[in-house]
Amino acid sequence: MLDELKLPKALAIRLGKVAMVERVNPESIVKTAIEDRLNYLEWKEKAIAQGQADLDKGRMVSTAHVRESLAKQRAQRGATNKKAA
């Protein structure tokens, strides 16, 4: 497992400056940044797999249908806003 991480000098300097300003140790910033990125990548892969599963099962909506739905929502909001005024 990776116990050591080598950073480019410019990145290490930036990390040190931010750690000093935030009054935290650089390791906690790196740990949080890696965890956040991994969470995003895992979420993205899951979302892609779910989307592909929907496509495989034939569950999809056309662009025309989305546009029609949005137009109806805008019209409804416009009518509501006129009543409020």
C-alpha atoms as a PDB file:
ATOM      1  CA  MET A   1       0.000   0.000   0.000  1.00  0.00           C
ATOM      2  CA  LEU A   2       1.110   3.556  -0.602  1.00  0.00           C
ATOM      3  CA  ASP A   3       2.541   5.062   2.594  1.00  0.00           C
ATOM      4  CA  GLU A   4       4.447   7.874   0.980  1.00  0.00           C
ATOM      5  CA  LEU A   5       3.425  10.324  -1.679  1.00  0.00           C
ATOM      6  CA  LYS A   6       5.883  12.428  -3.639  1.00  0.00           C
ATOM      7  CA  LEU A   7       4.520  15.767  -4.770  1.00  0.00           C
ATOM      8  CA  PRO A   8       5.972  18.114  -7.338  1.00  0.00           C
ATOM      9  CA  LYS A   9       7.799  20.960  -5.599  1.00  0.00           C
ATOM     10  CA  ALA A  10       5.310  23.633  -6.693  1.00  0.00           C
ATOM     11  CA  LEU A  11       2.380  21.595  -5.366  1.00  0.00           C
ATOM     12  CA  ALA A  12       4.163  20.910  -2.085  1.00  0.00           C
ATOM     13  CA  ILE A  13       4.788  24.641  -1.643  1.00  0.00           C
ATOM     14  CA  ARG A  14       1.127  25.435  -2.292  1.00  0.00           C
ATOM     15  CA  LEU A  15       0.094  22.718   0.143  1.00  0.00           C
ATOM     16  CA  GLY A  16       2.400  24.113   2.801  1.00  0.00           C
ATOM     17  CA  LYS A  17       1.051  27.647   2.372  1.00  0.00           C
ATOM     18  CA  VAL A  18      -2.573  26.547   2.581  1.00  0.00           C
ATOM     19  CA  ALA A  19      -1.852  24.354   5.606  1.00  0.00           C
ATOM     20  CA  MET A  20      -0.228  27.277   7.377  1.00  0.00           C
ATOM     21  CA  VAL A  21      -3.107  29.652   6.627  1.00  0.00           C
ATOM     22  CA  GLU A  22      -5.720  27.072   7.646  1.00  0.00           C
ATOM     23  CA  ARG A  23      -3.682  26.009  10.672  1.00  0.00           C
ATOM     24  CA  VAL A  24      -3.903  22.331   9.855  1.00  0.00           C
ATOM     25  CA  ASN A  25      -1.234  19.818   9.008  1.00  0.00           C
ATOM     26  CA  PRO A  26      -0.600  19.187   5.307  1.00  0.00           C
ATOM     27  CA  GLU A  27      -1.316  15.479   5.718  1.00  0.00           C
ATOM     28  CA  SER A  28      -4.919  16.142   6.725  1.00  0.00           C
ATOM     29  CA  ILE A  29      -5.434  18.291   3.622  1.00  0.00           C
ATOM     30  CA  VAL A  30      -3.987  15.581   1.382  1.00  0.00           C
ATOM     31  CA  LYS A  31      -6.045  12.888   3.093  1.00  0.00           C
ATOM     32  CA  THR A  32      -9.271  14.890   2.699  1.00  0.00           C
ATOM     33  CA  ALA A  33      -8.490  15.774  -0.916  1.00  0.00           C
ATOM     34  CA  ILE A  34      -7.836  12.148  -1.845  1.00  0.00           C
ATOM     35  CA  GLU A  35     -10.946  10.945  -0.024  1.00  0.00           C
ATOM     36  CA  ASP A  36     -13.111  13.586  -1.717  1.00  0.00           C
ATOM     37  CA  ARG A  37     -11.742  12.688  -5.148  1.00  0.00           C
ATOM     38  CA  LEU A  38     -12.257   8.966  -4.563  1.00  0.00           C
ATOM     39  CA  ASN A  39     -15.823   9.583  -3.383  1.00  0.00           C
ATOM     40  CA  TYR A  40     -16.509  11.522  -6.578  1.00  0.00           C
ATOM     41  CA  LEU A  41     -14.955   8.890  -8.841  1.00  0.00           C
ATOM     42  CA  GLU A  42     -16.883   6.088  -7.121  1.00  0.00           C
ATOM     43  CA  TRP A  43     -20.123   8.064  -7.397  1.00  0.00           C
ATOM     44  CA  LYS A  44     -19.455   8.778 -11.083  1.00  0.00           C
ATOM     45  CA  GLU A  45     -18.822   5.114 -11.900  1.00  0.00           C
ATOM     46  CA  LYS A  46     -21.999   4.080 -10.064  1.00  0.00           C
ATOM     47  CA  ALA A  47     -24.054   6.725 -11.902  1.00  0.00           C
ATOM     48  CA  ILE A  48     -22.657   5.612 -15.260  1.00  0.00           C
ATOM     49  CA  ALA A  49     -23.451   1.969 -14.481  1.00  0.00           C
ATOM     50  CA  GLN A  50     -27.006   2.883 -13.438  1.00  0.00           C
ATOM     51  CA  GLY A  51     -27.480   4.928 -16.597  1.00  0.00           C
ATOM     52  CA  GLN A  52     -26.189   2.106 -18.755  1.00  0.00           C
ATOM     53  CA  ALA A  53     -28.515  -0.340 -16.999  1.00  0.00           C
ATOM     54  CA  ASP A  54     -31.454   1.972 -17.753  1.00  0.00           C
ATOM     55  CA  LEU A  55     -30.425   2.150 -21.406  1.00  0.00           C
ATOM     56  CA  ASP A  56     -30.040  -1.632 -21.583  1.00  0.00           C
ATOM     57  CA  LYS A  57     -33.596  -2.014 -20.246  1.00  0.00           C
ATOM     58  CA  GLY A  58     -34.916   0.505 -22.758  1.00  0.00           C
ATOM     59  CA  ARG A  59     -35.644   3.173 -20.166  1.00  0.00           C
ATOM     60  CA  MET A  60     -34.812   6.415 -21.896  1.00  0.00           C
ATOM     61  CA  VAL A  61     -36.350   9.757 -22.725  1.00  0.00           C
ATOM     62  CA  SER A  62     -35.937  11.585 -26.014  1.00  0.00           C
ATOM     63  CA  THR A  63     -34.519  15.082 -26.234  1.00  0.00           C
ATOM     64  CA  ALA A  64     -37.822  16.244 -27.695  1.00  0.00           C
ATOM     65  CA  HIS A  65     -39.684  14.901 -24.655  1.00  0.00           C
ATOM     66  CA  VAL A  66     -37.294  16.693 -22.274  1.00  0.00           C
ATOM     67  CA  ARG A  67     -37.720  19.965 -24.170  1.00  0.00           C
ATOM     68  CA  GLU A  68     -41.522  19.640 -24.126  1.00  0.00           C
ATOM     69  CA  SER A  69     -41.487  18.946 -20.406  1.00  0.00           C
ATOM     70  CA  LEU A  70     -39.251  21.949 -19.709  1.00  0.00           C
ATOM     71  CA  ALA A  71     -41.465  24.203 -21.838  1.00  0.00           C
ATOM     72  CA  LYS A  72     -44.521  23.117 -19.821  1.00  0.00           C
ATOM     73  CA  GLN A  73     -42.702  23.780 -16.543  1.00  0.00           C
ATOM     74  CA  ARG A  74     -41.651  27.253 -17.711  1.00  0.00           C
ATOM     75  CA  ALA A  75     -45.191  28.043 -18.803  1.00  0.00           C
ATOM     76  CA  GLN A  76     -46.557  26.918 -15.433  1.00  0.00           C
ATOM     77  CA  ARG A  77     -44.005  29.008 -13.562  1.00  0.00           C
ATOM     78  CA  GLY A  78     -44.821  31.995 -15.724  1.00  0.00           C
ATOM     79  CA  ALA A  79     -48.534  31.636 -14.975  1.00  0.00           C
ATOM     80  CA  THR A  80     -47.817  31.321 -11.243  1.00  0.00           C
ATOM     81  CA  ASN A  81     -45.588  34.401 -11.250  1.00  0.00           C
ATOM     82  CA  LYS A  82     -48.255  36.490 -13.028  1.00  0.00           C
ATOM     83  CA  LYS A  83     -50.844  35.496 -10.414  1.00  0.00           C
ATOM     84  CA  ALA A  84     -48.484  36.498  -7.581  1.00  0.00           C
ATOM     85  CA  ALA A  85     -47.848  39.936  -9.124  1.00  0.00           C
END
